[in-house]
Amino acid sequence: MGKMTIVIDDDLEEEFRRLVALKYGTRKGVLGAAISEAIKTWIRKTKKELENAE
């Protein structure tokens, strides 16, 4: 399992954490699951954009 250390805007972090808690609750591991979901969504979107640009 990979590990990343990132720096993001404080407002973005606060809103993300708030929405994760609303959707998944505050159980251990939900933040990592939501980050993984967000990255997967970004990857799918970017792949489609790159395919359409060819």
N, C-alpha and C. Protein backbone atom coordinates (compact mmCIF):
# COMPACT_ATOMS: atom_id res chain seq x y z
N MET A 1 0.84 -1.17 0.00
CA MET A 1 0.00 0.00 0.00
C MET A 1 0.89 1.23 0.00
N GLY A 2 0.57 2.18 -0.86
CA GLY A 2 1.38 3.38 -0.99
C GLY A 2 1.07 4.41 0.09
N LYS A 3 2.01 5.31 0.25
CA LYS A 3 1.84 6.39 1.22
C LYS A 3 2.26 7.69 0.54
N MET A 4 1.43 8.72 0.68
CA MET A 4 1.72 10.02 0.07
C MET A 4 1.62 11.10 1.15
N THR A 5 2.49 12.07 1.05
CA THR A 5 2.37 13.25 1.89
C THR A 5 2.12 14.42 0.96
N ILE A 6 1.01 15.12 1.17
CA ILE A 6 0.64 16.21 0.28
C ILE A 6 0.35 17.47 1.08
N VAL A 7 0.39 18.60 0.41
CA VAL A 7 0.01 19.87 1.02
C VAL A 7 -1.09 20.46 0.16
N ILE A 8 -2.24 20.76 0.80
CA ILE A 8 -3.36 21.37 0.09
C ILE A 8 -3.85 22.57 0.87
N ASP A 9 -4.64 23.40 0.21
CA ASP A 9 -5.20 24.58 0.83
C ASP A 9 -6.04 24.19 2.05
N ASP A 10 -5.96 24.97 3.11
CA ASP A 10 -6.69 24.67 4.35
C ASP A 10 -8.20 24.58 4.13
N ASP A 11 -8.74 25.50 3.33
CA ASP A 11 -10.19 25.49 3.07
C ASP A 11 -10.61 24.22 2.33
N LEU A 12 -9.81 23.79 1.38
CA LEU A 12 -10.09 22.56 0.64
C LEU A 12 -10.08 21.35 1.58
N GLU A 13 -9.08 21.30 2.44
CA GLU A 13 -8.99 20.20 3.40
C GLU A 13 -10.19 20.17 4.33
N GLU A 14 -10.57 21.33 4.86
CA GLU A 14 -11.71 21.39 5.78
C GLU A 14 -13.00 20.92 5.12
N GLU A 15 -13.25 21.40 3.90
CA GLU A 15 -14.47 21.01 3.21
C GLU A 15 -14.46 19.52 2.88
N PHE A 16 -13.31 19.01 2.44
CA PHE A 16 -13.20 17.59 2.12
C PHE A 16 -13.47 16.74 3.36
N ARG A 17 -12.83 17.08 4.47
CA ARG A 17 -13.03 16.32 5.71
C ARG A 17 -14.49 16.38 6.17
N ARG A 18 -15.12 17.55 6.03
CA ARG A 18 -16.51 17.71 6.44
C ARG A 18 -17.42 16.82 5.60
N LEU A 19 -17.21 16.83 4.29
CA LEU A 19 -18.05 16.02 3.40
C LEU A 19 -17.79 14.53 3.57
N VAL A 20 -16.55 14.15 3.81
CA VAL A 20 -16.24 12.74 4.07
C VAL A 20 -16.98 12.28 5.32
N ALA A 21 -16.96 13.09 6.37
CA ALA A 21 -17.65 12.74 7.61
C ALA A 21 -19.16 12.61 7.39
N LEU A 22 -19.73 13.51 6.57
CA LEU A 22 -21.17 13.43 6.30
C LEU A 22 -21.53 12.18 5.51
N LYS A 23 -20.69 11.83 4.54
CA LYS A 23 -20.99 10.68 3.67
C LYS A 23 -20.67 9.34 4.33
N TYR A 24 -19.49 9.26 4.98
CA TYR A 24 -19.00 7.97 5.49
C TYR A 24 -18.98 7.88 7.01
N GLY A 25 -19.14 8.99 7.70
CA GLY A 25 -18.99 8.99 9.15
C GLY A 25 -17.55 9.26 9.53
N THR A 26 -17.22 8.96 10.77
CA THR A 26 -15.88 9.29 11.27
C THR A 26 -15.08 8.04 11.65
N ARG A 27 -15.48 6.91 11.10
CA ARG A 27 -14.75 5.66 11.39
C ARG A 27 -13.31 5.74 10.88
N LYS A 28 -12.48 4.94 11.48
CA LYS A 28 -11.08 4.88 11.06
C LYS A 28 -11.00 4.40 9.61
N GLY A 29 -10.19 5.08 8.81
CA GLY A 29 -9.95 4.66 7.43
C GLY A 29 -10.82 5.32 6.39
N VAL A 30 -11.86 6.06 6.81
CA VAL A 30 -12.76 6.64 5.81
C VAL A 30 -12.09 7.76 5.01
N LEU A 31 -11.19 8.50 5.62
CA LEU A 31 -10.51 9.57 4.89
C LEU A 31 -9.66 8.99 3.76
N GLY A 32 -8.92 7.93 4.04
CA GLY A 32 -8.12 7.26 3.01
C GLY A 32 -8.98 6.68 1.91
N ALA A 33 -10.14 6.12 2.27
CA ALA A 33 -11.05 5.57 1.26
C ALA A 33 -11.57 6.68 0.36
N ALA A 34 -11.91 7.82 0.95
CA ALA A 34 -12.43 8.94 0.15
C ALA A 34 -11.34 9.53 -0.75
N ILE A 35 -10.12 9.61 -0.26
CA ILE A 35 -9.00 10.09 -1.08
C ILE A 35 -8.79 9.13 -2.25
N SER A 36 -8.83 7.83 -1.99
CA SER A 36 -8.67 6.85 -3.07
C SER A 36 -9.77 7.00 -4.11
N GLU A 37 -11.01 7.20 -3.64
CA GLU A 37 -12.13 7.40 -4.56
C GLU A 37 -11.91 8.65 -5.42
N ALA A 38 -11.45 9.72 -4.80
CA ALA A 38 -11.21 10.97 -5.53
C ALA A 38 -10.10 10.80 -6.56
N ILE A 39 -9.04 10.09 -6.21
CA ILE A 39 -7.94 9.88 -7.15
C ILE A 39 -8.39 9.01 -8.32
N LYS A 40 -9.16 7.97 -8.03
CA LYS A 40 -9.67 7.10 -9.10
C LYS A 40 -10.54 7.89 -10.06
N THR A 41 -11.40 8.76 -9.51
CA THR A 41 -12.25 9.60 -10.35
C THR A 41 -11.41 10.52 -11.22
N TRP A 42 -10.39 11.12 -10.65
CA TRP A 42 -9.49 12.01 -11.40
C TRP A 42 -8.78 11.25 -12.51
N ILE A 43 -8.32 10.04 -12.22
CA ILE A 43 -7.62 9.23 -13.22
C ILE A 43 -8.55 8.90 -14.38
N ARG A 44 -9.78 8.45 -14.09
CA ARG A 44 -10.75 8.13 -15.17
C ARG A 44 -11.02 9.35 -16.03
N LYS A 45 -11.25 10.50 -15.39
CA LYS A 45 -11.55 11.74 -16.11
C LYS A 45 -10.37 12.15 -16.99
N THR A 46 -9.18 12.09 -16.45
CA THR A 46 -7.99 12.50 -17.18
C THR A 46 -7.71 11.57 -18.36
N LYS A 47 -7.88 10.26 -18.16
CA LYS A 47 -7.70 9.31 -19.26
C LYS A 47 -8.65 9.61 -20.41
N LYS A 48 -9.92 9.90 -20.09
CA LYS A 48 -10.90 10.21 -21.12
C LYS A 48 -10.51 11.49 -21.86
N GLU A 49 -10.09 12.51 -21.11
CA GLU A 49 -9.66 13.76 -21.73
C GLU A 49 -8.49 13.53 -22.67
N LEU A 50 -7.52 12.74 -22.24
CA LEU A 50 -6.34 12.48 -23.07
C LEU A 50 -6.69 11.65 -24.31
N GLU A 51 -7.61 10.70 -24.16
CA GLU A 51 -8.05 9.90 -25.29
C GLU A 51 -8.77 10.77 -26.33
N ASN A 52 -9.58 11.70 -25.84
CA ASN A 52 -10.33 12.60 -26.74
C ASN A 52 -9.41 13.60 -27.42
N ALA A 53 -8.27 13.88 -26.84
CA ALA A 53 -7.32 14.85 -27.41
C ALA A 53 -6.50 14.23 -28.54
N GLU A 54 -6.49 12.91 -28.62
CA GLU A 54 -5.67 12.24 -29.65
C GLU A 54 -6.27 12.32 -31.02
